């Protein structure tokens, strides 16, 4: 019964499933999906066995991972509600669907872990924010949940009231990073660097800069200052970014993301 069952296996569910398979073993995970084409692809690439429907996932697994769009939740809840019991733990990854709503749909006794992962989970470098329902989880269950989220990256625990902000910080922001990589690569292709080498230069630089922040624990501003020699090229570039509203654009993007997440709540 202590298996992971994925209801849905799309862009976010798939990398999570791969991480869980690698961490817990092939027999510890199953999935279902609405697309027969997707089912065959996931089975072929992962070797994970497919469950024929959502009810089969619930009756054969303890940890139910809801890897579907929020608008599909109520439909799925109607299917599985009668088969959910106090042994189950629901792992939800939807923006705008609070724990309270899940309990209202599946019963007040259901235990819920709400997570906000991101797509770098595909390469084992995901970052998740998670929160728990106000229920009792055993030491073993907490250990399994810890292994689950560590299987495709890292995680931090938050109060649920901060989950919309987490969606801005890590859930949506990989898209902004990809845009930055693309734009910076374009800017040097303009001066003659081949595009494939431009992407390698920029991507490794972003990776290295992020690792510097994580491993040195230095303030990003201090690390930035260390690159900016007086009267040099870097400070000239930084000044141009400030002049063109770089920080403001990022903050406005977060504001838009946050407002959208709040508006999605039912």
Protein backbone atom coordinates (compact mmCIF):
# COMPACT_ATOMS: atom_id res chain seq x y z
CA UNK A 1 0.00 0.00 0.00
CA UNK A 2 2.95 2.37 0.64
CA UNK A 3 3.23 3.18 -3.06
CA UNK A 4 3.11 6.45 -4.95
CA UNK A 5 0.29 6.82 -7.43
CA UNK A 6 0.42 9.68 -9.93
CA UNK A 7 -2.87 10.92 -11.28
CA UNK A 8 -1.59 12.75 -14.34
CA UNK A 9 1.90 12.63 -15.77
CA UNK A 10 2.55 15.84 -17.70
CA UNK A 11 5.38 18.36 -17.72
CA UNK A 12 5.56 18.43 -13.92
CA UNK A 13 4.33 14.98 -13.00
CA UNK A 14 6.73 13.18 -15.32
CA UNK A 15 10.01 14.44 -13.79
CA UNK A 16 8.62 13.83 -10.30
CA UNK A 17 7.68 10.28 -11.26
CA UNK A 18 11.18 9.67 -12.63
CA UNK A 19 12.74 10.92 -9.40
CA UNK A 20 10.47 8.75 -7.27
CA UNK A 21 11.18 5.70 -9.40
CA UNK A 22 14.93 6.21 -9.00
CA UNK A 23 14.70 6.82 -5.24
CA UNK A 24 12.13 4.20 -4.22
CA UNK A 25 12.28 1.60 -6.99
CA UNK A 26 10.21 0.66 -9.99
CA UNK A 27 7.63 -1.28 -8.01
CA UNK A 28 6.94 1.68 -5.70
CA UNK A 29 5.18 3.87 -8.25
CA UNK A 30 2.35 3.76 -10.74
CA UNK A 31 0.50 6.35 -12.80
CA UNK A 32 -2.55 7.07 -14.87
CA UNK A 33 -3.16 9.65 -17.57
CA UNK A 34 -6.00 10.63 -19.85
CA UNK A 35 -3.96 10.23 -23.04
CA UNK A 36 -3.23 6.77 -24.41
CA UNK A 37 -0.34 8.19 -26.41
CA UNK A 38 1.14 9.72 -23.27
CA UNK A 39 0.66 6.46 -21.37
CA UNK A 40 2.66 4.50 -23.93
CA UNK A 41 5.43 7.09 -23.98
CA UNK A 42 5.81 7.18 -20.18
CA UNK A 43 5.74 3.38 -19.95
CA UNK A 44 8.38 3.07 -22.66
CA UNK A 45 10.71 5.70 -21.20
CA UNK A 46 10.40 4.79 -17.51
CA UNK A 47 9.26 1.18 -17.30
CA UNK A 48 6.67 2.25 -14.72
CA UNK A 49 3.46 0.23 -14.81
CA UNK A 50 0.28 2.02 -15.79
CA UNK A 51 -2.95 1.86 -13.77
CA UNK A 52 -6.11 1.76 -15.89
CA UNK A 53 -7.98 4.49 -14.00
CA UNK A 54 -7.85 6.91 -11.08
CA UNK A 55 -9.68 4.55 -8.73
CA UNK A 56 -7.09 1.83 -9.35
CA UNK A 57 -4.36 4.28 -8.37
CA UNK A 58 -6.13 5.14 -5.12
CA UNK A 59 -6.88 1.56 -4.12
CA UNK A 60 -3.31 0.37 -4.75
CA UNK A 61 -1.33 3.32 -3.36
CA UNK A 62 -0.99 5.26 -0.11
CA UNK A 63 0.55 8.46 -1.50
CA UNK A 64 -1.67 9.99 -4.18
CA UNK A 65 0.11 12.62 -6.27
CA UNK A 66 -2.31 14.98 -8.00
CA UNK A 67 -0.29 16.01 -11.06
CA UNK A 68 -3.20 17.45 -12.99
CA UNK A 69 -4.44 20.95 -13.78
CA UNK A 70 -6.48 22.65 -11.02
CA UNK A 71 -9.57 22.72 -13.22
CA UNK A 72 -9.50 18.90 -13.28
CA UNK A 73 -9.46 18.51 -9.49
CA UNK A 74 -13.20 18.47 -8.83
CA UNK A 75 -13.82 15.93 -11.58
CA UNK A 76 -11.13 13.63 -10.19
CA UNK A 77 -12.32 14.12 -6.61
CA UNK A 78 -15.80 12.90 -7.53
CA UNK A 79 -14.24 9.70 -8.89
CA UNK A 80 -11.96 8.91 -5.98
CA UNK A 81 -13.73 10.33 -2.91
CA UNK A 82 -15.43 7.07 -1.92
CA UNK A 83 -12.11 5.23 -2.01
CA UNK A 84 -10.04 7.66 0.07
CA UNK A 85 -9.41 6.71 3.69
CA UNK A 86 -7.38 7.94 6.66
CA UNK A 87 -4.32 5.97 5.54
CA UNK A 88 -3.99 7.97 2.34
CA UNK A 89 -1.82 11.04 1.97
CA UNK A 90 -2.70 13.43 -0.85
CA UNK A 91 0.20 15.29 -2.46
CA UNK A 92 -1.12 18.25 -4.42
CA UNK A 93 0.97 20.44 -6.72
CA UNK A 94 -1.70 22.80 -8.03
CA UNK A 95 -1.51 26.58 -7.84
CA UNK A 96 -4.59 28.19 -6.33
CA UNK A 97 -6.04 25.08 -4.70
CA UNK A 98 -5.63 25.35 -0.91
CA UNK A 99 -5.58 22.43 1.49
CA UNK A 100 -8.97 23.48 2.86
CA UNK A 101 -10.55 23.00 -0.58
CA UNK A 102 -9.09 19.51 -0.89
CA UNK A 103 -10.45 18.56 2.53
CA UNK A 104 -13.87 19.96 1.63
CA UNK A 105 -13.92 17.73 -1.46
CA UNK A 106 -12.36 14.54 -0.06
CA UNK A 107 -13.29 14.73 3.62
CA UNK A 108 -11.93 16.59 6.62
CA UNK A 109 -9.89 13.60 7.80
CA UNK A 110 -7.80 13.35 4.64
CA UNK A 111 -4.15 14.28 5.13
CA UNK A 112 -2.63 16.64 2.59
CA UNK A 113 0.84 17.76 1.58
CA UNK A 114 0.72 20.72 -0.75
CA UNK A 115 3.83 21.17 -2.88
CA UNK A 116 4.98 23.72 -5.42
CA UNK A 117 7.77 22.08 -7.48
CA UNK A 118 9.33 23.33 -10.71
CA UNK A 119 10.41 21.83 -14.02
CA UNK A 120 14.18 21.58 -13.29
CA UNK A 121 13.05 18.46 -11.41
CA UNK A 122 13.59 16.79 -14.80
CA UNK A 123 17.36 16.98 -14.22
CA UNK A 124 17.17 16.38 -10.47
CA UNK A 125 17.54 20.06 -9.64
CA UNK A 126 13.96 21.01 -8.81
CA UNK A 127 13.09 23.39 -6.01
CA UNK A 128 9.86 22.88 -4.11
CA UNK A 129 8.04 24.75 -1.40
CA UNK A 130 5.78 22.49 0.66
CA UNK A 131 3.25 22.77 3.46
CA UNK A 132 1.25 20.24 5.48
CA UNK A 133 -2.34 20.01 6.59
CA UNK A 134 -2.87 20.35 10.32
CA UNK A 135 -2.95 16.60 10.83
CA UNK A 136 -0.73 13.96 12.38
CA UNK A 137 1.95 12.40 10.20
CA UNK A 138 4.06 9.57 11.60
CA UNK A 139 7.83 9.75 11.73
CA UNK A 140 8.01 7.19 8.93
CA UNK A 141 5.57 9.15 6.78
CA UNK A 142 7.55 12.36 7.27
CA UNK A 143 10.70 10.49 6.28
CA UNK A 144 9.05 9.18 3.12
CA UNK A 145 7.74 12.63 2.20
CA UNK A 146 11.25 13.99 2.74
CA UNK A 147 12.70 11.35 0.39
CA UNK A 148 9.93 12.03 -2.11
CA UNK A 149 10.69 15.74 -2.52
CA UNK A 150 14.45 15.18 -2.35
CA UNK A 151 14.21 12.60 -5.14
CA UNK A 152 13.92 15.32 -7.78
CA UNK A 153 15.67 18.27 -6.11
CA UNK A 154 15.44 20.18 -2.85
CA UNK A 155 12.59 21.67 -0.81
CA UNK A 156 11.73 24.10 1.95
CA UNK A 157 8.72 24.01 4.31
CA UNK A 158 6.45 27.07 4.52
CA UNK A 159 3.19 28.17 6.06
CA UNK A 160 0.46 27.69 3.48
CA UNK A 161 -0.23 31.44 3.37
CA UNK A 162 3.15 31.84 1.63
CA UNK A 163 2.57 29.25 -1.10
CA UNK A 164 1.44 31.83 -3.65
CA UNK A 165 4.73 33.64 -3.13
CA UNK A 166 6.57 30.33 -3.47
CA UNK A 167 4.91 29.90 -6.86
CA UNK A 168 6.51 33.20 -7.88
CA UNK A 169 9.95 32.46 -6.44
CA UNK A 170 10.43 28.97 -7.86
CA UNK A 171 7.33 27.64 -9.60
CA UNK A 172 7.07 30.14 -12.45
CA UNK A 173 10.52 31.73 -12.40
CA UNK A 174 12.40 29.12 -14.47
CA UNK A 175 10.60 30.67 -17.45
CA UNK A 176 12.18 34.04 -16.63
CA UNK A 177 15.61 32.44 -16.33
CA UNK A 178 15.20 30.80 -19.74
CA UNK A 179 14.21 34.17 -21.18
CA UNK A 180 17.33 35.73 -19.65
CA UNK A 181 19.53 32.97 -21.06
CA UNK A 182 17.98 33.37 -24.49
CA UNK A 183 18.31 37.16 -24.44
CA UNK A 184 21.92 37.15 -23.23
CA UNK A 185 22.83 34.53 -25.83
CA UNK A 186 21.19 36.62 -28.55
CA UNK A 187 23.17 39.64 -27.41
CA UNK A 188 26.53 37.92 -28.01
CA UNK A 189 25.45 36.09 -31.17
CA UNK A 190 25.05 39.63 -32.48
CA UNK A 191 28.81 40.03 -32.05
CA UNK A 192 29.70 36.78 -33.80
CA UNK A 193 29.67 34.00 -31.18
CA UNK A 194 28.03 30.83 -32.61
CA UNK A 195 24.61 30.25 -31.10
CA UNK A 196 25.34 26.81 -29.63
CA UNK A 197 28.44 28.14 -27.90
CA UNK A 198 26.55 31.22 -26.74
CA UNK A 199 23.95 29.03 -25.01
CA UNK A 200 26.71 26.97 -23.37
CA UNK A 201 28.56 30.07 -22.18
CA UNK A 202 25.47 31.70 -20.73
CA UNK A 203 23.87 28.58 -19.25
CA UNK A 204 26.99 27.48 -17.43
CA UNK A 205 27.46 31.02 -16.15
CA UNK A 206 23.93 31.08 -14.74
CA UNK A 207 24.49 27.66 -13.16
CA UNK A 208 27.80 28.72 -11.65
CA UNK A 209 26.47 32.03 -10.35
CA UNK A 210 23.54 30.27 -8.66
CA UNK A 211 25.90 27.73 -7.12
CA UNK A 212 28.04 30.57 -5.74
CA UNK A 213 25.00 31.99 -3.92
CA UNK A 214 23.98 28.60 -2.54
CA UNK A 215 27.41 27.43 -1.43
CA UNK A 216 29.04 30.63 -0.19
CA UNK A 217 25.85 31.93 1.50
CA UNK A 218 27.06 35.42 0.59
CA UNK A 219 24.53 38.15 -0.20
CA UNK A 220 23.94 38.30 -3.98
CA UNK A 221 24.73 42.02 -3.87
CA UNK A 222 28.17 41.31 -2.43
CA UNK A 223 28.88 38.70 -5.09
CA UNK A 224 27.73 41.17 -7.74
CA UNK A 225 30.08 43.83 -6.33
CA UNK A 226 33.01 41.40 -6.54
CA UNK A 227 32.53 41.20 -10.32
CA UNK A 228 32.18 44.96 -10.77
CA UNK A 229 35.64 46.50 -11.02
CA UNK A 230 35.67 50.30 -10.77
CA UNK A 231 35.32 51.80 -14.23
CA UNK A 232 35.12 48.33 -15.78
CA UNK A 233 32.93 46.53 -18.27
CA UNK A 234 30.65 44.83 -15.75
CA UNK A 235 29.58 47.96 -13.91
CA UNK A 236 28.82 49.55 -17.28
CA UNK A 237 26.51 46.63 -18.05
CA UNK A 238 24.93 46.76 -14.58
CA UNK A 239 24.27 50.48 -15.01
CA UNK A 240 22.56 49.79 -18.34
CA UNK A 241 20.37 47.12 -16.73
CA UNK A 242 19.36 49.53 -13.97
CA UNK A 243 18.67 52.30 -16.47
CA UNK A 244 16.35 50.01 -18.39
CA UNK A 245 14.44 48.81 -15.34
CA UNK A 246 15.83 45.28 -14.93
CA UNK A 247 14.96 44.94 -11.23
CA UNK A 248 11.60 46.64 -11.68
CA UNK A 249 10.69 44.28 -14.50
CA UNK A 250 11.44 41.25 -12.31
CA UNK A 251 9.41 42.65 -9.41
CA UNK A 252 6.49 43.46 -11.72
CA UNK A 253 6.63 39.91 -13.09
CA UNK A 254 6.35 38.58 -9.53
CA UNK A 255 3.43 40.93 -8.82
CA UNK A 256 1.60 39.65 -11.91
CA UNK A 257 2.34 36.03 -11.01
CA UNK A 258 1.17 36.51 -7.43
CA UNK A 259 -2.05 38.27 -8.42
CA UNK A 260 -2.84 35.49 -10.87
CA UNK A 261 -2.21 32.78 -8.25
CA UNK A 262 -4.51 34.55 -5.78
CA UNK A 263 -7.23 34.97 -8.41
CA UNK A 264 -7.18 31.21 -9.14
CA UNK A 265 -8.31 30.30 -5.63
CA UNK A 266 -11.86 29.07 -5.32
